[in-house]
């Protein structure tokens, strides 16, 4: 597998793992029911959107920084 593809796959896997852990722990306080409540579903929806939005902002900033470093001449 191409190194860049593998690296991107690992980044996505880490991001999704973080999203699951963060949103589940924040939104699913009680495990007494077999199904999620409407409030839990809505909370997970909002949490997931915020997590992905924040991830994109950070990722874009890191990519810009790497691009700027690459283009520096000494």
PDB file of N, CA and C in Angstrom:
ATOM      1  N   UNK A   1       0.859  -1.186   0.000  1.00  0.00           N
ATOM      2  CA  UNK A   1       0.000   0.000   0.000  1.00  0.00           C
ATOM      3  C   UNK A   1       0.899   1.241   0.000  1.00  0.00           C
ATOM      4  N   UNK A   2       0.525   2.222  -0.783  1.00  0.00           N
ATOM      5  CA  UNK A   2       1.244   3.487  -0.845  1.00  0.00           C
ATOM      6  C   UNK A   2       1.330   4.102   0.549  1.00  0.00           C
ATOM      7  N   UNK A   3       2.506   4.649   0.899  1.00  0.00           N
ATOM      8  CA  UNK A   3       2.720   5.228   2.226  1.00  0.00           C
ATOM      9  C   UNK A   3       1.724   6.339   2.522  1.00  0.00           C
ATOM     10  N   UNK A   4       1.468   7.225   1.564  1.00  0.00           N
ATOM     11  CA  UNK A   4       0.540   8.341   1.779  1.00  0.00           C
ATOM     12  C   UNK A   4      -0.880   7.837   2.025  1.00  0.00           C
ATOM     13  N   UNK A   5      -1.277   6.814   1.306  1.00  0.00           N
ATOM     14  CA  UNK A   5      -2.616   6.236   1.484  1.00  0.00           C
ATOM     15  C   UNK A   5      -2.726   5.611   2.872  1.00  0.00           C
ATOM     16  N   UNK A   6      -1.684   4.886   3.274  1.00  0.00           N
ATOM     17  CA  UNK A   6      -1.694   4.259   4.597  1.00  0.00           C
ATOM     18  C   UNK A   6      -1.721   5.318   5.695  1.00  0.00           C
ATOM     19  N   UNK A   7      -0.939   6.370   5.536  1.00  0.00           N
ATOM     20  CA  UNK A   7      -0.914   7.456   6.514  1.00  0.00           C
ATOM     21  C   UNK A   7      -2.284   8.115   6.629  1.00  0.00           C
ATOM     22  N   UNK A   8      -2.918   8.386   5.500  1.00  0.00           N
ATOM     23  CA  UNK A   8      -4.252   8.997   5.515  1.00  0.00           C
ATOM     24  C   UNK A   8      -5.267   8.061   6.161  1.00  0.00           C
ATOM     25  N   UNK A   9      -5.151   6.777   5.882  1.00  0.00           N
ATOM     26  CA  UNK A   9      -6.048   5.797   6.492  1.00  0.00           C
ATOM     27  C   UNK A   9      -5.897   5.790   8.014  1.00  0.00           C
ATOM     28  N   UNK A  10      -4.667   5.860   8.500  1.00  0.00           N
ATOM     29  CA  UNK A  10      -4.427   5.905   9.945  1.00  0.00           C
ATOM     30  C   UNK A  10      -4.961   7.189  10.559  1.00  0.00           C
ATOM     31  N   UNK A  11      -4.823   8.306   9.858  1.00  0.00           N
ATOM     32  CA  UNK A  11      -5.346   9.582  10.352  1.00  0.00           C
ATOM     33  C   UNK A  11      -6.867   9.530  10.472  1.00  0.00           C
ATOM     34  N   UNK A  12      -7.520   8.972   9.473  1.00  0.00           N
ATOM     35  CA  UNK A  12      -8.983   8.874   9.496  1.00  0.00           C
ATOM     36  C   UNK A  12      -9.425   7.928  10.610  1.00  0.00           C
ATOM     37  N   UNK A  13      -8.724   6.822  10.757  1.00  0.00           N
ATOM     38  CA  UNK A  13      -9.062   5.867  11.818  1.00  0.00           C
ATOM     39  C   UNK A  13      -8.930   6.508  13.202  1.00  0.00           C
ATOM     40  N   UNK A  14      -7.866   7.271  13.414  1.00  0.00           N
ATOM     41  CA  UNK A  14      -7.663   7.949  14.700  1.00  0.00           C
ATOM     42  C   UNK A  14      -8.739   9.005  14.930  1.00  0.00           C
ATOM     43  N   UNK A  15      -9.085   9.742  13.883  1.00  0.00           N
ATOM     44  CA  UNK A  15     -10.117  10.773  13.995  1.00  0.00           C
ATOM     45  C   UNK A  15     -11.466  10.152  14.347  1.00  0.00           C
ATOM     46  N   UNK A  16     -11.827   9.066  13.680  1.00  0.00           N
ATOM     47  CA  UNK A  16     -13.112   8.419  13.945  1.00  0.00           C
ATOM     48  C   UNK A  16     -13.143   7.798  15.341  1.00  0.00           C
ATOM     49  N   UNK A  17     -12.033   7.257  15.776  1.00  0.00           N
ATOM     50  CA  UNK A  17     -11.956   6.696  17.126  1.00  0.00           C
ATOM     51  C   UNK A  17     -12.155   7.795  18.167  1.00  0.00           C
ATOM     52  N   UNK A  18     -11.510   8.928  17.952  1.00  0.00           N
ATOM     53  CA  UNK A  18     -11.673  10.063  18.859  1.00  0.00           C
ATOM     54  C   UNK A  18     -13.098  10.582  18.866  1.00  0.00           C
ATOM     55  N   UNK A  19     -13.707  10.649  17.687  1.00  0.00           N
ATOM     56  CA  UNK A  19     -15.098  11.114  17.580  1.00  0.00           C
ATOM     57  C   UNK A  19     -16.021  10.184  18.358  1.00  0.00           C
ATOM     58  N   UNK A  20     -15.877   8.882  18.144  1.00  0.00           N
ATOM     59  CA  UNK A  20     -16.730   7.915  18.850  1.00  0.00           C
ATOM     60  C   UNK A  20     -16.575   8.050  20.358  1.00  0.00           C
ATOM     61  N   UNK A  21     -15.337   8.095  20.809  1.00  0.00           N
ATOM     62  CA  UNK A  21     -15.094   8.164  22.253  1.00  0.00           C
ATOM     63  C   UNK A  21     -15.627   9.461  22.844  1.00  0.00           C
ATOM     64  N   UNK A  22     -15.304  10.584  22.226  1.00  0.00           N
ATOM     65  CA  UNK A  22     -15.713  11.894  22.747  1.00  0.00           C
ATOM     66  C   UNK A  22     -17.232  12.032  22.762  1.00  0.00           C
ATOM     67  N   UNK A  23     -17.871  11.733  21.645  1.00  0.00           N
ATOM     68  CA  UNK A  23     -19.318  11.937  21.549  1.00  0.00           C
ATOM     69  C   UNK A  23     -20.098  10.914  22.377  1.00  0.00           C
ATOM     70  N   UNK A  24     -19.653   9.673  22.403  1.00  0.00           N
ATOM     71  CA  UNK A  24     -20.350   8.675  23.215  1.00  0.00           C
ATOM     72  C   UNK A  24     -20.257   9.043  24.689  1.00  0.00           C
ATOM     73  N   UNK A  25     -19.051   9.382  25.149  1.00  0.00           N
ATOM     74  CA  UNK A  25     -18.872   9.724  26.565  1.00  0.00           C
ATOM     75  C   UNK A  25     -19.630  10.990  26.948  1.00  0.00           C
ATOM     76  N   UNK A  26     -19.746  11.931  26.024  1.00  0.00           N
ATOM     77  CA  UNK A  26     -20.451  13.182  26.314  1.00  0.00           C
ATOM     78  C   UNK A  26     -21.966  13.029  26.257  1.00  0.00           C
ATOM     79  N   UNK A  27     -22.447  12.180  25.373  1.00  0.00           N
ATOM     80  CA  UNK A  27     -23.886  12.145  25.090  1.00  0.00           C
ATOM     81  C   UNK A  27     -24.635  10.954  25.689  1.00  0.00           C
ATOM     82  N   UNK A  28     -23.967   9.888  25.960  1.00  0.00           N
ATOM     83  CA  UNK A  28     -24.641   8.665  26.419  1.00  0.00           C
ATOM     84  C   UNK A  28     -24.286   8.398  27.872  1.00  0.00           C
ATOM     85  N   UNK A  29     -24.976   9.069  28.750  1.00  0.00           N
ATOM     86  CA  UNK A  29     -24.687   8.971  30.183  1.00  0.00           C
ATOM     87  C   UNK A  29     -25.276   7.708  30.806  1.00  0.00           C
ATOM     88  N   UNK A  30     -26.435   7.300  30.339  1.00  0.00           N
ATOM     89  CA  UNK A  30     -27.115   6.149  30.928  1.00  0.00           C
ATOM     90  C   UNK A  30     -27.177   5.025  29.899  1.00  0.00           C
ATOM     91  N   UNK A  31     -26.793   3.851  30.317  1.00  0.00           N
ATOM     92  CA  UNK A  31     -26.856   2.697  29.417  1.00  0.00           C
ATOM     93  C   UNK A  31     -27.974   1.744  29.833  1.00  0.00           C
ATOM     94  N   UNK A  32     -29.025   2.313  30.409  1.00  0.00           N
ATOM     95  CA  UNK A  32     -30.115   1.488  30.935  1.00  0.00           C
ATOM     96  C   UNK A  32     -31.092   1.027  29.853  1.00  0.00           C
ATOM     97  N   UNK A  33     -31.051   1.651  28.666  1.00  0.00           N
ATOM     98  CA  UNK A  33     -31.971   1.273  27.594  1.00  0.00           C
ATOM     99  C   UNK A  33     -31.201   0.630  26.447  1.00  0.00           C
ATOM    100  N   UNK A  34     -31.900  -0.173  25.660  1.00  0.00           N
ATOM    101  CA  UNK A  34     -31.283  -0.840  24.510  1.00  0.00           C
ATOM    102  C   UNK A  34     -31.027   0.110  23.351  1.00  0.00           C
ATOM    103  N   UNK A  35     -31.802   1.179  23.272  1.00  0.00           N
ATOM    104  CA  UNK A  35     -31.689   2.117  22.161  1.00  0.00           C
ATOM    105  C   UNK A  35     -31.384   3.508  22.686  1.00  0.00           C
ATOM    106  N   UNK A  36     -30.816   4.325  21.802  1.00  0.00           N
ATOM    107  CA  UNK A  36     -30.535   5.710  22.166  1.00  0.00           C
ATOM    108  C   UNK A  36     -31.831   6.499  22.249  1.00  0.00           C
ATOM    109  N   UNK A  37     -31.869   7.446  23.169  1.00  0.00           N
ATOM    110  CA  UNK A  37     -33.026   8.338  23.250  1.00  0.00           C
ATOM    111  C   UNK A  37     -32.895   9.404  22.170  1.00  0.00           C
ATOM    112  N   UNK A  38     -33.972  10.122  21.925  1.00  0.00           N
ATOM    113  CA  UNK A  38     -33.947  11.217  20.952  1.00  0.00           C
ATOM    114  C   UNK A  38     -32.924  12.268  21.357  1.00  0.00           C
ATOM    115  N   UNK A  39     -32.857  12.584  22.633  1.00  0.00           N
ATOM    116  CA  UNK A  39     -31.875  13.563  23.109  1.00  0.00           C
ATOM    117  C   UNK A  39     -30.448  13.083  22.864  1.00  0.00           C
ATOM    118  N   UNK A  40     -30.197  11.804  23.087  1.00  0.00           N
ATOM    119  CA  UNK A  40     -28.860  11.259  22.852  1.00  0.00           C
ATOM    120  C   UNK A  40     -28.500  11.306  21.369  1.00  0.00           C
ATOM    121  N   UNK A  41     -29.444  10.967  20.509  1.00  0.00           N
ATOM    122  CA  UNK A  41     -29.207  11.012  19.065  1.00  0.00           C
ATOM    123  C   UNK A  41     -28.898  12.438  18.628  1.00  0.00           C
ATOM    124  N   UNK A  42     -29.682  13.398  19.113  1.00  0.00           N
ATOM    125  CA  UNK A  42     -29.446  14.802  18.764  1.00  0.00           C
ATOM    126  C   UNK A  42     -28.094  15.276  19.284  1.00  0.00           C
ATOM    127  N   UNK A  43     -27.753  14.874  20.497  1.00  0.00           N
ATOM    128  CA  UNK A  43     -26.467  15.244  21.087  1.00  0.00           C
ATOM    129  C   UNK A  43     -25.316  14.674  20.252  1.00  0.00           C
ATOM    130  N   UNK A  44     -25.422  13.411  19.871  1.00  0.00           N
ATOM    131  CA  UNK A  44     -24.374  12.777  19.059  1.00  0.00           C
ATOM    132  C   UNK A  44     -24.258  13.464  17.709  1.00  0.00           C
ATOM    133  N   UNK A  45     -25.380  13.846  17.119  1.00  0.00           N
ATOM    134  CA  UNK A  45     -25.371  14.557  15.841  1.00  0.00           C
ATOM    135  C   UNK A  45     -24.618  15.883  15.962  1.00  0.00           C
ATOM    136  N   UNK A  46     -24.946  16.663  16.984  1.00  0.00           N
ATOM    137  CA  UNK A  46     -24.271  17.955  17.194  1.00  0.00           C
ATOM    138  C   UNK A  46     -22.791  17.759  17.521  1.00  0.00           C
ATOM    139  N   UNK A  47     -22.513  16.810  18.397  1.00  0.00           N
ATOM    140  CA  UNK A  47     -21.136  16.543  18.804  1.00  0.00           C
ATOM    141  C   UNK A  47     -20.294  16.100  17.602  1.00  0.00           C
ATOM    142  N   UNK A  48     -20.834  15.224  16.787  1.00  0.00           N
ATOM    143  CA  UNK A  48     -20.112  14.739  15.605  1.00  0.00           C
ATOM    144  C   UNK A  48     -19.813  15.877  14.644  1.00  0.00           C
ATOM    145  N   UNK A  49     -20.804  16.735  14.411  1.00  0.00           N
ATOM    146  CA  UNK A  49     -20.593  17.873  13.511  1.00  0.00           C
ATOM    147  C   UNK A  49     -19.492  18.773  14.052  1.00  0.00           C
ATOM    148  N   UNK A  50     -19.552  19.108  15.348  1.00  0.00           N
ATOM    149  CA  UNK A  50     -18.523  19.971  15.952  1.00  0.00           C
ATOM    150  C   UNK A  50     -17.148  19.317  15.876  1.00  0.00           C
ATOM    151  N   UNK A  51     -17.079  18.036  16.169  1.00  0.00           N
ATOM    152  CA  UNK A  51     -15.804  17.320  16.158  1.00  0.00           C
ATOM    153  C   UNK A  51     -15.204  17.333  14.752  1.00  0.00           C
ATOM    154  N   UNK A  52     -16.013  16.993  13.747  1.00  0.00           N
ATOM    155  CA  UNK A  52     -15.515  16.965  12.370  1.00  0.00           C
ATOM    156  C   UNK A  52     -15.144  18.361  11.878  1.00  0.00           C
ATOM    157  N   UNK A  53     -15.934  19.357  12.232  1.00  0.00           N
ATOM    158  CA  UNK A  53     -15.650  20.741  11.841  1.00  0.00           C
ATOM    159  C   UNK A  53     -14.324  21.200  12.459  1.00  0.00           C
ATOM    160  N   UNK A  54     -14.138  20.923  13.734  1.00  0.00           N
ATOM    161  CA  UNK A  54     -12.896  21.292  14.417  1.00  0.00           C
ATOM    162  C   UNK A  54     -11.716  20.538  13.827  1.00  0.00           C
ATOM    163  N   UNK A  55     -11.893  19.260  13.550  1.00  0.00           N
ATOM    164  CA  UNK A  55     -10.832  18.454  12.948  1.00  0.00           C
ATOM    165  C   UNK A  55     -10.406  19.049  11.610  1.00  0.00           C
ATOM    166  N   UNK A  56     -11.375  19.469  10.812  1.00  0.00           N
ATOM    167  CA  UNK A  56     -11.063  20.062   9.505  1.00  0.00           C
ATOM    168  C   UNK A  56     -10.280  21.360   9.666  1.00  0.00           C
ATOM    169  N   UNK A  57     -10.686  22.210  10.600  1.00  0.00           N
ATOM    170  CA  UNK A  57      -9.985  23.475  10.826  1.00  0.00           C
ATOM    171  C   UNK A  57      -8.533  23.209  11.231  1.00  0.00           C
ATOM    172  N   UNK A  58      -8.337  22.299  12.174  1.00  0.00           N
ATOM    173  CA  UNK A  58      -6.982  21.982  12.642  1.00  0.00           C
ATOM    174  C   UNK A  58      -6.166  21.354  11.517  1.00  0.00           C
ATOM    175  N   UNK A  59      -6.749  20.416  10.799  1.00  0.00           N
ATOM    176  CA  UNK A  59      -6.059  19.749   9.702  1.00  0.00           C
ATOM    177  C   UNK A  59      -5.661  20.744   8.616  1.00  0.00           C
ATOM    178  N   UNK A  60      -6.560  21.659   8.256  1.00  0.00           N
ATOM    179  CA  UNK A  60      -6.244  22.677   7.250  1.00  0.00           C
ATOM    180  C   UNK A  60      -5.099  23.569   7.716  1.00  0.00           C
ATOM    181  N   UNK A  61      -5.114  23.953   8.995  1.00  0.00           N
ATOM    182  CA  UNK A  61      -4.046  24.798   9.535  1.00  0.00           C
ATOM    183  C   UNK A  61      -2.706  24.060   9.510  1.00  0.00           C
ATOM    184  N   UNK A  62      -2.712  22.793   9.883  1.00  0.00           N
ATOM    185  CA  UNK A  62      -1.477  22.010   9.845  1.00  0.00           C
ATOM    186  C   UNK A  62      -0.959  21.862   8.420  1.00  0.00           C
ATOM    187  N   UNK A  63      -1.860  21.616   7.481  1.00  0.00           N
ATOM    188  CA  UNK A  63      -1.453  21.489   6.081  1.00  0.00           C
ATOM    189  C   UNK A  63      -0.874  22.792   5.550  1.00  0.00           C
ATOM    190  N   UNK A  64      -1.470  23.927   5.924  1.00  0.00           N
ATOM    191  CA  UNK A  64      -0.925  25.225   5.503  1.00  0.00           C
ATOM    192  C   UNK A  64       0.467  25.429   6.089  1.00  0.00           C
ATOM    193  N   UNK A  65       0.629  25.071   7.352  1.00  0.00           N
ATOM    194  CA  UNK A  65       1.932  25.209   8.001  1.00  0.00           C
ATOM    195  C   UNK A  65       2.988  24.347   7.341  1.00  0.00           C
ATOM    196  N   UNK A  66       2.636  23.116   7.001  1.00  0.00           N
ATOM    197  CA  UNK A  66       3.583  22.226   6.324  1.00  0.00           C
ATOM    198  C   UNK A  66       3.905  22.753   4.936  1.00  0.00           C
ATOM    199  N   UNK A  67       2.900  23.280   4.250  1.00  0.00           N
ATOM    200  CA  UNK A  67       3.103  23.835   2.912  1.00  0.00           C
ATOM    201  C   UNK A  67       4.034  25.046   2.985  1.00  0.00           C
ATOM    202  N   UNK A  68       3.821  25.918   3.974  1.00  0.00           N
ATOM    203  CA  UNK A  68       4.669  27.101   4.138  1.00  0.00           C
ATOM    204  C   UNK A  68       6.103  26.707   4.477  1.00  0.00           C
ATOM    205  N   UNK A  69       6.280  25.705   5.327  1.00  0.00           N
ATOM    206  CA  UNK A  69       7.624  25.229   5.678  1.00  0.00           C
ATOM    207  C   UNK A  69       8.335  24.668   4.459  1.00  0.00           C
ATOM    208  N   UNK A  70       7.597  23.943   3.636  1.00  0.00           N
ATOM    209  CA  UNK A  70       8.176  23.323   2.453  1.00  0.00           C
ATOM    210  C   UNK A  70       8.644  24.380   1.451  1.00  0.00           C
ATOM    211  N   UNK A  71       7.938  25.509   1.389  1.00  0.00           N
ATOM    212  CA  UNK A  71       8.250  26.548   0.410  1.00  0.00           C
ATOM    213  C   UNK A  71       9.281  27.557   0.894  1.00  0.00           C
ATOM    214  N   UNK A  72       9.731  27.447   2.141  1.00  0.00           N
ATOM    215  CA  UNK A  72      10.747  28.370   2.651  1.00  0.00           C
ATOM    216  C   UNK A  72      12.079  28.092   1.968  1.00  0.00           C
ATOM    217  N   UNK A  73      12.777  29.155   1.680  1.00  0.00           N
ATOM    218  CA  UNK A  73      14.123  29.005   1.137  1.00  0.00           C
ATOM    219  C   UNK A  73      15.106  29.583   2.129  1.00  0.00           C
ATOM    220  N   UNK A  74      16.210  28.919   2.279  1.00  0.00           N
ATOM    221  CA  UNK A  74      17.212  29.362   3.245  1.00  0.00           C
ATOM    222  C   UNK A  74      18.374  29.986   2.542  1.00  0.00           C
TER     223      UNK A  74
END
